[in-house]
Amino acid sequence: MVSILHGLQVRIQARCELQITCLAPHNLSNQHSLRIFPEVAPPFFSSLRSLSLELIDLEVLPEWLGQLNRLEDLSIYYCGNLTYLPNSIRNLTALKKLVIHCCPRLIEKCQGEDFHKITHIPKLSAKIYIVS
């Protein structure tokens, strides 16, 4: 699901039956199988200030993520296959908040060898929820 609120926020969610219609030109219509983003950022992404990803099959974040120079808030949820942030995340100088929830492999990497990629971000939140 993509909802654009005044051009400032995009939410992509994979656990529902909805499709991304704004990204259709990039052949992203079924989010249940989205594992990687296209090689080139969709045009409207360049003006994003907030991006929330909930893509359960996502394996790789694109390097072009670092080109979203207006991005202030990045949230990543339930991306269990995601193991690292792209190197270009260091280019997000406007990024004020990074939230990573229920992505155990990514959190482990960010707390260890990839911590240098996110030290410039003032507010960091990483949580793993255990459901029994």
C-alpha atoms as a PDB file:
ATOM      1  CA  MET A   1       0.000   0.000   0.000  1.00  0.00           C
ATOM      2  CA  VAL A   2       1.295   3.434  -0.824  1.00  0.00           C
ATOM      3  CA  SER A   3      -0.310   6.510   0.578  1.00  0.00           C
ATOM      4  CA  ILE A   4       1.136   9.893  -0.174  1.00  0.00           C
ATOM      5  CA  LEU A   5       0.214  12.610   2.288  1.00  0.00           C
ATOM      6  CA  HIS A   6       0.892  16.012   0.759  1.00  0.00           C
ATOM      7  CA  GLY A   7       3.902  14.511  -1.034  1.00  0.00           C
ATOM      8  CA  LEU A   8       5.767  14.036   2.236  1.00  0.00           C
ATOM      9  CA  GLN A   9       5.155  10.489   3.349  1.00  0.00           C
ATOM     10  CA  VAL A  10       5.056   7.095   1.666  1.00  0.00           C
ATOM     11  CA  ARG A  11       4.153   3.868   3.392  1.00  0.00           C
ATOM     12  CA  ILE A  12       4.773   0.564   1.696  1.00  0.00           C
ATOM     13  CA  GLN A  13       3.202  -2.429   3.377  1.00  0.00           C
ATOM     14  CA  ALA A  14       3.515  -6.015   2.230  1.00  0.00           C
ATOM     15  CA  ARG A  15       1.183  -7.818   4.605  1.00  0.00           C
ATOM     16  CA  CYS A  16      -1.976  -6.706   2.887  1.00  0.00           C
ATOM     17  CA  GLU A  17      -3.638  -7.460  -0.435  1.00  0.00           C
ATOM     18  CA  LEU A  18      -3.193  -3.956  -1.826  1.00  0.00           C
ATOM     19  CA  GLN A  19      -0.873  -3.007  -4.646  1.00  0.00           C
ATOM     20  CA  ILE A  20       1.477  -0.124  -5.143  1.00  0.00           C
ATOM     21  CA  THR A  21      -0.154   1.862  -7.887  1.00  0.00           C
ATOM     22  CA  CYS A  22       2.176   4.854  -7.904  1.00  0.00           C
ATOM     23  CA  LEU A  23       5.129   2.556  -8.546  1.00  0.00           C
ATOM     24  CA  ALA A  24       3.455   0.557 -11.317  1.00  0.00           C
ATOM     25  CA  PRO A  25       5.764   2.005 -14.001  1.00  0.00           C
ATOM     26  CA  HIS A  26       8.617   0.357 -12.121  1.00  0.00           C
ATOM     27  CA  ASN A  27       6.937  -3.056 -12.176  1.00  0.00           C
ATOM     28  CA  LEU A  28       6.288  -3.127  -8.436  1.00  0.00           C
ATOM     29  CA  SER A  29       2.719  -4.274  -8.211  1.00  0.00           C
ATOM     30  CA  ASN A  30       2.723  -7.256  -5.877  1.00  0.00           C
ATOM     31  CA  GLN A  31       4.383  -6.440  -2.575  1.00  0.00           C
ATOM     32  CA  HIS A  32       4.217 -10.005  -1.294  1.00  0.00           C
ATOM     33  CA  SER A  33       7.204 -10.863  -3.478  1.00  0.00           C
ATOM     34  CA  LEU A  34       9.153  -7.593  -3.360  1.00  0.00           C
ATOM     35  CA  ARG A  35      12.678  -8.553  -2.407  1.00  0.00           C
ATOM     36  CA  ILE A  36      14.633  -5.707  -3.987  1.00  0.00           C
ATOM     37  CA  PHE A  37      13.825  -2.207  -5.172  1.00  0.00           C
ATOM     38  CA  PRO A  38      14.372  -1.057  -8.746  1.00  0.00           C
ATOM     39  CA  GLU A  39      17.865   0.167  -9.636  1.00  0.00           C
ATOM     40  CA  VAL A  40      16.611   3.731 -10.092  1.00  0.00           C
ATOM     41  CA  ALA A  41      14.566   5.616  -7.520  1.00  0.00           C
ATOM     42  CA  PRO A  42      10.958   6.378  -8.490  1.00  0.00           C
ATOM     43  CA  PRO A  43      10.736  10.108  -9.327  1.00  0.00           C
ATOM     44  CA  PHE A  44       8.513  11.110  -6.403  1.00  0.00           C
ATOM     45  CA  PHE A  45      10.886   9.550  -3.859  1.00  0.00           C
ATOM     46  CA  SER A  46      13.326  12.474  -4.133  1.00  0.00           C
ATOM     47  CA  SER A  47      10.961  14.773  -2.196  1.00  0.00           C
ATOM     48  CA  LEU A  48      10.201  12.331   0.636  1.00  0.00           C
ATOM     49  CA  ARG A  49      10.692  13.459   4.196  1.00  0.00           C
ATOM     50  CA  SER A  50       9.372  10.262   5.770  1.00  0.00           C
ATOM     51  CA  LEU A  51       9.620   6.678   4.546  1.00  0.00           C
ATOM     52  CA  SER A  52       8.173   3.658   6.318  1.00  0.00           C
ATOM     53  CA  LEU A  53       8.877   0.173   4.973  1.00  0.00           C
ATOM     54  CA  GLU A  54       7.083  -2.986   6.012  1.00  0.00           C
ATOM     55  CA  LEU A  55       8.121  -5.527   3.397  1.00  0.00           C
ATOM     56  CA  ILE A  56       8.416  -9.009   4.812  1.00  0.00           C
ATOM     57  CA  ASP A  57      10.314 -10.411   1.807  1.00  0.00           C
ATOM     58  CA  LEU A  58      12.697  -7.477   1.353  1.00  0.00           C
ATOM     59  CA  GLU A  59      16.328  -8.605   1.111  1.00  0.00           C
ATOM     60  CA  VAL A  60      18.203  -5.496  -0.041  1.00  0.00           C
ATOM     61  CA  LEU A  61      17.753  -1.765   0.287  1.00  0.00           C
ATOM     62  CA  PRO A  62      18.920   0.194  -2.758  1.00  0.00           C
ATOM     63  CA  GLU A  63      22.039   2.362  -2.793  1.00  0.00           C
ATOM     64  CA  TRP A  64      19.908   5.196  -4.191  1.00  0.00           C
ATOM     65  CA  LEU A  65      18.373   5.464  -0.730  1.00  0.00           C
ATOM     66  CA  GLY A  66      21.295   7.754   0.072  1.00  0.00           C
ATOM     67  CA  GLN A  67      20.106  10.177  -2.625  1.00  0.00           C
ATOM     68  CA  LEU A  68      16.922  11.010  -0.712  1.00  0.00           C
ATOM     69  CA  ASN A  69      18.548  14.115   0.717  1.00  0.00           C
ATOM     70  CA  ARG A  70      15.285  15.458   2.230  1.00  0.00           C
ATOM     71  CA  LEU A  71      14.559  12.270   4.172  1.00  0.00           C
ATOM     72  CA  GLU A  72      14.209  13.002   7.891  1.00  0.00           C
ATOM     73  CA  ASP A  73      12.496   9.860   9.162  1.00  0.00           C
ATOM     74  CA  LEU A  74      13.150   6.258   8.067  1.00  0.00           C
ATOM     75  CA  SER A  75      11.285   3.324   9.625  1.00  0.00           C
ATOM     76  CA  ILE A  76      11.867  -0.316   8.762  1.00  0.00           C
ATOM     77  CA  TYR A  77       9.524  -2.992  10.138  1.00  0.00           C
ATOM     78  CA  TYR A  78       9.296  -6.786   9.770  1.00  0.00           C
ATOM     79  CA  CYS A  79      12.049  -7.104   7.171  1.00  0.00           C
ATOM     80  CA  GLY A  80      13.496 -10.323   8.558  1.00  0.00           C
ATOM     81  CA  ASN A  81      15.538 -11.021   5.421  1.00  0.00           C
ATOM     82  CA  LEU A  82      17.229  -7.627   5.440  1.00  0.00           C
ATOM     83  CA  THR A  83      20.782  -7.975   6.741  1.00  0.00           C
ATOM     84  CA  TYR A  84      22.425  -4.587   6.172  1.00  0.00           C
ATOM     85  CA  LEU A  85      21.841  -0.939   5.383  1.00  0.00           C
ATOM     86  CA  PRO A  86      23.361   0.407   2.183  1.00  0.00           C
ATOM     87  CA  ASN A  87      26.612   2.361   2.515  1.00  0.00           C
ATOM     88  CA  SER A  88      24.862   5.374   1.033  1.00  0.00           C
ATOM     89  CA  ILE A  89      22.769   5.811   4.186  1.00  0.00           C
ATOM     90  CA  ARG A  90      25.688   7.891   5.479  1.00  0.00           C
ATOM     91  CA  ASN A  91      24.742  10.489   2.838  1.00  0.00           C
ATOM     92  CA  LEU A  92      21.368  11.135   4.515  1.00  0.00           C
ATOM     93  CA  THR A  93      22.475  14.195   6.432  1.00  0.00           C
ATOM     94  CA  ALA A  94      18.882  15.369   7.019  1.00  0.00           C
ATOM     95  CA  LEU A  95      17.924  12.030   8.602  1.00  0.00           C
ATOM     96  CA  LYS A  96      16.904  12.684  12.199  1.00  0.00           C
ATOM     97  CA  LYS A  97      15.262   9.394  13.101  1.00  0.00           C
ATOM     98  CA  LEU A  98      15.855   5.749  12.208  1.00  0.00           C
ATOM     99  CA  VAL A  99      13.501   3.091  13.554  1.00  0.00           C
ATOM    100  CA  ILE A 100      14.161  -0.613  12.988  1.00  0.00           C
ATOM    101  CA  HIS A 101      11.674  -3.060  14.510  1.00  0.00           C
ATOM    102  CA  CYS A 102      11.404  -6.824  14.130  1.00  0.00           C
ATOM    103  CA  CYS A 103      14.411  -7.079  11.804  1.00  0.00           C
ATOM    104  CA  PRO A 104      16.783  -9.144  13.974  1.00  0.00           C
ATOM    105  CA  ARG A 105      19.533  -9.641  11.397  1.00  0.00           C
ATOM    106  CA  LEU A 106      19.594  -5.974  10.458  1.00  0.00           C
ATOM    107  CA  ILE A 107      19.591  -4.853  14.086  1.00  0.00           C
ATOM    108  CA  GLU A 108      22.494  -7.169  14.894  1.00  0.00           C
ATOM    109  CA  LYS A 109      24.526  -5.778  12.005  1.00  0.00           C
ATOM    110  CA  CYS A 110      23.698  -2.160  12.915  1.00  0.00           C
ATOM    111  CA  GLN A 111      24.744  -2.725  16.512  1.00  0.00           C
ATOM    112  CA  GLY A 112      28.017  -4.235  15.349  1.00  0.00           C
ATOM    113  CA  GLU A 113      30.122  -3.802  12.250  1.00  0.00           C
ATOM    114  CA  ASP A 114      27.741  -1.389  10.468  1.00  0.00           C
ATOM    115  CA  PHE A 115      27.266   0.986  13.398  1.00  0.00           C
ATOM    116  CA  HIS A 116      29.517   3.562  11.688  1.00  0.00           C
ATOM    117  CA  LYS A 117      26.870   3.941   8.961  1.00  0.00           C
ATOM    118  CA  ILE A 118      24.274   5.317  11.383  1.00  0.00           C
ATOM    119  CA  THR A 119      26.258   7.291  13.968  1.00  0.00           C
ATOM    120  CA  HIS A 120      25.209  10.594  12.362  1.00  0.00           C
ATOM    121  CA  ILE A 121      21.507   9.940  13.063  1.00  0.00           C
ATOM    122  CA  PRO A 122      20.379  11.678  16.276  1.00  0.00           C
ATOM    123  CA  LYS A 123      17.508   9.348  17.186  1.00  0.00           C
ATOM    124  CA  LEU A 124      17.901   5.580  16.804  1.00  0.00           C
ATOM    125  CA  SER A 125      15.399   2.927  17.842  1.00  0.00           C
ATOM    126  CA  ALA A 126      15.911  -0.784  17.360  1.00  0.00           C
ATOM    127  CA  LYS A 127      13.613  -3.392  18.855  1.00  0.00           C
ATOM    128  CA  ILE A 128      13.040  -7.092  18.411  1.00  0.00           C
ATOM    129  CA  TYR A 129       9.692  -8.397  19.565  1.00  0.00           C
ATOM    130  CA  ILE A 130       9.444 -12.054  20.516  1.00  0.00           C
ATOM    131  CA  VAL A 131       6.003 -13.512  19.978  1.00  0.00           C
ATOM    132  CA  SER A 132       5.297 -16.787  21.741  1.00  0.00           C
END
